[in-house]
């Protein structure tokens, strides 16, 4: 009742701290999960990975030691139990300074291309952020300049309003009344025909007589 053991167990996408394990399952068998036994060859660390309700035929191993030897075995999980462990597969992680081997799978190449695209996107985002910051700095500088101009204009207007206006005001008496010029009564000269030749002087009136 148990499913057969996985076949074609391979390790691809080797890196310093990770690797990908893939396998095949014989056709006609119902498999609902898998189990992976991961162990360092020196016996310092052992890990057991179990996943059910999945049809995946690959698993990524994380947190591996740099430049270390590992041994893995894969089991298929069926409806009535687990299969026998597959053959032991040995692999060695890379160093941080090492590159991917030339015979790596296409999936590894796709992963590296994806990393390059991510780096390009990060560079573009940084450029956009810097441009936005420069634009905001220019707007703030322009606002401060306009604010200083308005402030200077307001101070000049206040100074002009506070100047004394005595030059254009009407002088006042100490008592508060306005100075008024005295008006003299005009003298009227009346010329009327009067008999006789004598001049008659009247106050503020001069009469002229004649034939």
Protein backbone atom coordinates (compact mmCIF):
# COMPACT_ATOMS: atom_id res chain seq x y z
CA UNK A 1 0.00 0.00 0.00
CA UNK A 2 2.94 2.33 0.31
CA UNK A 3 4.07 4.34 -2.72
CA UNK A 4 7.40 3.54 -4.33
CA UNK A 5 10.50 5.52 -3.52
CA UNK A 6 11.22 8.72 -5.49
CA UNK A 7 13.62 8.45 -8.41
CA UNK A 8 15.99 10.79 -10.21
CA UNK A 9 16.84 12.73 -7.05
CA UNK A 10 19.10 15.62 -8.06
CA UNK A 11 20.49 18.77 -6.48
CA UNK A 12 20.54 21.98 -8.52
CA UNK A 13 21.03 25.72 -7.98
CA UNK A 14 23.91 25.19 -5.58
CA UNK A 15 24.86 28.29 -3.61
CA UNK A 16 26.81 29.04 -0.46
CA UNK A 17 23.78 28.77 1.84
CA UNK A 18 21.05 27.10 -0.20
CA UNK A 19 20.32 24.38 -2.76
CA UNK A 20 17.30 22.94 -4.58
CA UNK A 21 16.37 19.26 -4.45
CA UNK A 22 14.12 17.77 -7.13
CA UNK A 23 12.84 14.24 -7.82
CA UNK A 24 10.35 12.21 -9.85
CA UNK A 25 7.48 9.95 -8.82
CA UNK A 26 6.51 6.83 -10.83
CA UNK A 27 3.25 7.27 -12.73
CA UNK A 28 0.09 5.66 -11.43
CA UNK A 29 0.92 6.12 -7.74
CA UNK A 30 -1.06 8.48 -5.52
CA UNK A 31 1.38 10.77 -3.72
CA UNK A 32 0.11 13.51 -1.38
CA UNK A 33 3.43 14.83 -0.06
CA UNK A 34 7.09 14.23 0.53
CA UNK A 35 9.66 13.97 3.30
CA UNK A 36 13.34 14.96 3.07
CA UNK A 37 16.12 13.92 5.41
CA UNK A 38 19.00 16.42 5.32
CA UNK A 39 22.23 15.74 7.18
CA UNK A 40 25.72 17.14 7.21
CA UNK A 41 28.34 14.58 6.42
CA UNK A 42 30.31 15.42 9.56
CA UNK A 43 27.18 14.69 11.63
CA UNK A 44 26.95 18.15 13.21
CA UNK A 45 23.43 18.92 11.96
CA UNK A 46 20.42 16.91 10.85
CA UNK A 47 17.08 18.20 9.59
CA UNK A 48 13.84 16.49 8.65
CA UNK A 49 11.43 18.27 6.27
CA UNK A 50 7.89 16.97 5.80
CA UNK A 51 5.20 18.46 3.54
CA UNK A 52 1.73 17.02 2.84
CA UNK A 53 -1.23 18.02 0.65
CA UNK A 54 1.07 19.14 -2.13
CA UNK A 55 2.05 17.95 -5.57
CA UNK A 56 5.44 19.66 -5.60
CA UNK A 57 8.38 17.63 -6.79
CA UNK A 58 11.08 20.01 -5.58
CA UNK A 59 12.16 21.70 -2.35
CA UNK A 60 14.58 24.50 -1.53
CA UNK A 61 17.03 23.83 1.32
CA UNK A 62 17.90 26.98 3.27
CA UNK A 63 20.35 27.93 6.05
CA UNK A 64 23.07 25.63 4.80
CA UNK A 65 26.65 26.02 5.91
CA UNK A 66 29.15 27.47 3.49
CA UNK A 67 31.53 25.04 1.79
CA UNK A 68 30.08 22.02 3.60
CA UNK A 69 29.17 18.44 2.56
CA UNK A 70 25.55 17.26 2.85
CA UNK A 71 23.64 14.03 2.30
CA UNK A 72 19.91 13.93 1.51
CA UNK A 73 17.23 11.28 1.06
CA UNK A 74 13.66 11.76 -0.17
CA UNK A 75 10.49 9.81 0.68
CA UNK A 76 7.06 9.91 -0.96
CA UNK A 77 3.98 10.19 1.27
CA UNK A 78 0.89 8.30 0.10
CA UNK A 79 -2.59 7.77 1.47
CA UNK A 80 -1.49 4.80 3.58
CA UNK A 81 2.01 5.72 4.63
CA UNK A 82 5.46 6.67 3.46
CA UNK A 83 7.71 5.04 0.93
CA UNK A 84 11.19 3.75 1.50
CA UNK A 85 13.92 6.41 1.44
CA UNK A 86 15.54 7.09 -1.89
CA UNK A 87 19.20 6.59 -2.58
CA UNK A 88 21.53 8.86 -0.70
CA UNK A 89 22.61 11.90 -2.69
CA UNK A 90 25.75 13.80 -1.78
CA UNK A 91 26.40 17.49 -2.57
CA UNK A 92 28.68 20.28 -1.38
CA UNK A 93 27.74 23.93 -0.97
CA UNK A 94 29.76 26.71 -2.56
CA UNK A 95 31.90 29.42 -1.05
CA UNK A 96 30.76 33.01 -0.99
CA UNK A 97 33.40 33.89 -3.59
CA UNK A 98 32.49 31.01 -5.90
CA UNK A 99 30.19 31.36 -8.88
CA UNK A 100 27.58 28.96 -10.11
CA UNK A 101 29.07 26.03 -12.04
CA UNK A 102 28.81 26.14 -15.80
CA UNK A 103 26.65 22.97 -15.86
CA UNK A 104 23.95 24.39 -13.62
CA UNK A 105 20.33 23.97 -14.70
CA UNK A 106 18.28 26.54 -16.58
CA UNK A 107 16.35 27.28 -13.41
CA UNK A 108 19.54 28.57 -11.83
CA UNK A 109 20.14 30.89 -14.78
CA UNK A 110 16.61 32.21 -14.50
CA UNK A 111 17.19 32.87 -10.81
CA UNK A 112 20.34 34.85 -11.49
CA UNK A 113 18.57 36.87 -14.19
CA UNK A 114 15.81 37.63 -11.71
CA UNK A 115 18.39 38.88 -9.20
CA UNK A 116 19.92 41.17 -11.83
CA UNK A 117 16.48 42.59 -12.65
CA UNK A 118 15.82 43.19 -8.96
CA UNK A 119 19.09 45.11 -8.68
CA UNK A 120 18.16 47.21 -11.70
CA UNK A 121 14.77 47.96 -10.16
CA UNK A 122 16.39 48.97 -6.89
CA UNK A 123 18.74 51.34 -8.74
CA UNK A 124 15.81 52.92 -10.61
CA UNK A 125 13.87 53.38 -7.36
CA UNK A 126 16.85 55.10 -5.75
CA UNK A 127 17.13 57.50 -8.71
CA UNK A 128 13.42 58.32 -8.49
CA UNK A 129 13.66 58.96 -4.73
CA UNK A 130 16.65 61.28 -5.18
CA UNK A 131 14.84 63.22 -7.93
CA UNK A 132 11.76 63.65 -5.72
CA UNK A 133 13.89 64.87 -2.82
CA UNK A 134 15.65 67.42 -5.03
CA UNK A 135 12.30 68.67 -6.33
CA UNK A 136 10.97 69.13 -2.80
CA UNK A 137 14.15 70.96 -1.78
CA UNK A 138 13.69 73.38 -4.70
CA UNK A 139 10.04 73.98 -3.77
CA UNK A 140 10.94 74.67 -0.14
CA UNK A 141 13.73 77.09 -1.16
CA UNK A 142 11.34 78.98 -3.47
CA UNK A 143 8.71 79.18 -0.74
CA UNK A 144 11.24 80.55 1.77
CA UNK A 145 12.38 83.17 -0.75
CA UNK A 146 8.82 84.33 -1.45
CA UNK A 147 8.10 84.44 2.27
CA UNK A 148 11.13 86.70 2.89
CA UNK A 149 10.02 89.06 0.10
CA UNK A 150 6.49 89.33 1.50
CA UNK A 151 7.85 89.90 4.99
CA UNK A 152 10.13 92.71 3.81
CA UNK A 153 7.24 94.40 1.96
CA UNK A 154 5.03 94.25 5.05
CA UNK A 155 7.75 95.82 7.23
CA UNK A 156 8.27 98.66 4.72
CA UNK A 157 4.53 99.38 4.61
CA UNK A 158 4.35 99.52 8.40
CA UNK A 159 7.23 102.01 8.51
CA UNK A 160 5.51 104.30 6.01
CA UNK A 161 2.29 104.23 8.00
CA UNK A 162 4.04 105.25 11.24
CA UNK A 163 5.69 108.42 9.76
CA UNK A 164 4.35 111.75 11.26
CA UNK A 165 1.86 113.57 9.04
CA UNK A 166 2.45 117.05 10.46
CA UNK A 167 3.59 118.37 7.10
CA UNK A 168 0.12 117.96 5.60
CA UNK A 169 -2.00 118.71 8.68
CA UNK A 170 -3.72 122.00 9.45
CA UNK A 171 -2.16 123.89 12.38
CA UNK A 172 -4.35 124.21 15.41
CA UNK A 173 -4.48 126.66 18.28
CA UNK A 174 -3.52 125.46 21.70
CA UNK A 175 -7.16 125.59 22.68
CA UNK A 176 -8.00 123.18 19.88
CA UNK A 177 -9.68 125.63 17.48
CA UNK A 178 -8.48 126.13 13.93
CA UNK A 179 -6.67 129.33 13.05
CA UNK A 180 -8.85 131.62 11.04
CA UNK A 181 -7.77 134.74 9.22
CA UNK A 182 -9.40 138.01 10.22
CA UNK A 183 -11.72 139.49 7.65
CA UNK A 184 -11.80 143.22 7.17
CA UNK A 185 -15.04 144.90 6.25
CA UNK A 186 -14.68 146.29 2.77
CA UNK A 187 -15.02 149.98 2.26
CA UNK A 188 -17.64 151.09 -0.18
CA UNK A 189 -17.25 154.16 -2.32
CA UNK A 190 -20.60 155.56 -3.31
CA UNK A 191 -20.75 158.19 -5.99
CA UNK A 192 -24.07 160.00 -6.19
CA UNK A 193 -25.05 163.22 -7.90
CA UNK A 194 -25.51 165.86 -5.16
CA UNK A 195 -25.95 169.52 -5.60
CA UNK A 196 -22.90 171.45 -4.57
CA UNK A 197 -19.20 170.89 -4.95
CA UNK A 198 -18.23 169.87 -1.47
CA UNK A 199 -16.94 166.42 -0.41
CA UNK A 200 -18.68 164.92 2.52
CA UNK A 201 -16.77 162.39 4.53
CA UNK A 202 -18.77 159.77 6.24
CA UNK A 203 -17.33 156.93 8.19
CA UNK A 204 -16.34 154.22 5.82
CA UNK A 205 -18.33 156.00 3.05
CA UNK A 206 -16.92 158.52 0.61
CA UNK A 207 -19.52 160.72 -1.22
CA UNK A 208 -18.61 162.68 -4.25
CA UNK A 209 -20.65 165.72 -5.24
CA UNK A 210 -20.70 167.54 -8.49
CA UNK A 211 -22.94 169.57 -10.78
